[in-house]
Amino acid sequence: MSIYSKIKLNLKKFRDDQYGVTVIEYAVIAVAIATLVTYIFGPGGSLMGVLVDAINTMFESTS
């Protein structure tokens, strides 16, 4: 088998391999979700502030 044939075969295997692409896609999704969760529930997060204010208002109105 010639070097050209080996290179061509290896390039075809690399192109057809979807495992690496799937891992990268999952990593990008995980980073996006982690960023979103950190923004929402982290210090100064807008949703967390709204929830805390709502709970405090409920407790103040019942006491």
Protein backbone atom coordinates (compact mmCIF):
# COMPACT_ATOMS: atom_id res chain seq x y z
CA MET A 1 0.00 0.00 0.00
CA SER A 2 1.44 3.36 -0.99
CA ILE A 3 1.86 6.31 1.34
CA TYR A 4 -0.80 8.21 -0.63
CA SER A 5 -3.30 5.40 -0.07
CA LYS A 6 -2.51 5.25 3.67
CA ILE A 7 -2.91 9.02 4.05
CA LYS A 8 -6.16 8.95 2.07
CA LEU A 9 -7.51 6.08 4.20
CA ASN A 10 -6.55 7.81 7.47
CA LEU A 11 -8.12 11.09 6.35
CA LYS A 12 -11.34 9.25 5.48
CA LYS A 13 -11.38 7.57 8.92
CA PHE A 14 -10.78 10.92 10.61
CA ARG A 15 -13.57 12.58 8.61
CA ASP A 16 -16.06 9.79 9.34
CA ASP A 17 -15.27 9.65 13.09
CA GLN A 18 -18.11 11.40 14.94
CA TYR A 19 -16.99 10.61 18.51
CA GLY A 20 -14.73 13.64 18.85
CA VAL A 21 -17.37 15.97 17.46
CA THR A 22 -19.96 14.67 19.94
CA VAL A 23 -17.60 15.17 22.88
CA ILE A 24 -16.89 18.74 21.81
CA GLU A 25 -20.61 19.47 21.39
CA TYR A 26 -21.37 18.17 24.89
CA ALA A 27 -18.49 20.22 26.33
CA VAL A 28 -19.81 23.41 24.71
CA ILE A 29 -23.33 22.72 26.02
CA ALA A 30 -21.97 22.01 29.53
CA VAL A 31 -20.05 25.29 29.57
CA ALA A 32 -23.14 27.20 28.43
CA ILE A 33 -25.32 25.62 31.13
CA ALA A 34 -22.68 26.23 33.83
CA THR A 35 -22.43 29.88 32.80
CA LEU A 36 -26.19 30.29 32.86
CA VAL A 37 -26.54 28.65 36.29
CA THR A 38 -23.71 30.77 37.67
CA TYR A 39 -25.33 33.93 36.33
CA ILE A 40 -28.78 33.06 37.68
CA PHE A 41 -27.86 31.72 41.11
CA GLY A 42 -24.55 33.46 41.68
CA PRO A 43 -24.08 36.56 43.80
CA GLY A 44 -26.02 39.41 42.26
CA GLY A 45 -27.95 37.12 39.93
CA SER A 46 -31.19 38.72 38.84
CA LEU A 47 -33.43 35.66 39.32
CA MET A 48 -32.02 34.93 42.75
CA GLY A 49 -32.59 38.53 43.84
CA VAL A 50 -36.19 38.45 42.66
CA LEU A 51 -36.86 35.17 44.48
CA VAL A 52 -35.30 36.42 47.73
CA ASP A 53 -37.31 39.64 47.56
CA ALA A 54 -40.52 37.72 46.92
CA ILE A 55 -39.91 35.36 49.85
CA ASN A 56 -39.02 38.25 52.16
CA THR A 57 -42.20 40.07 51.13
CA MET A 58 -44.29 36.97 51.84
CA PHE A 59 -42.74 36.53 55.32
CA GLU A 60 -43.17 40.23 56.14
CA SER A 61 -46.83 40.20 55.13
CA THR A 62 -47.61 37.11 57.24
CA SER A 63 -46.00 38.38 60.43
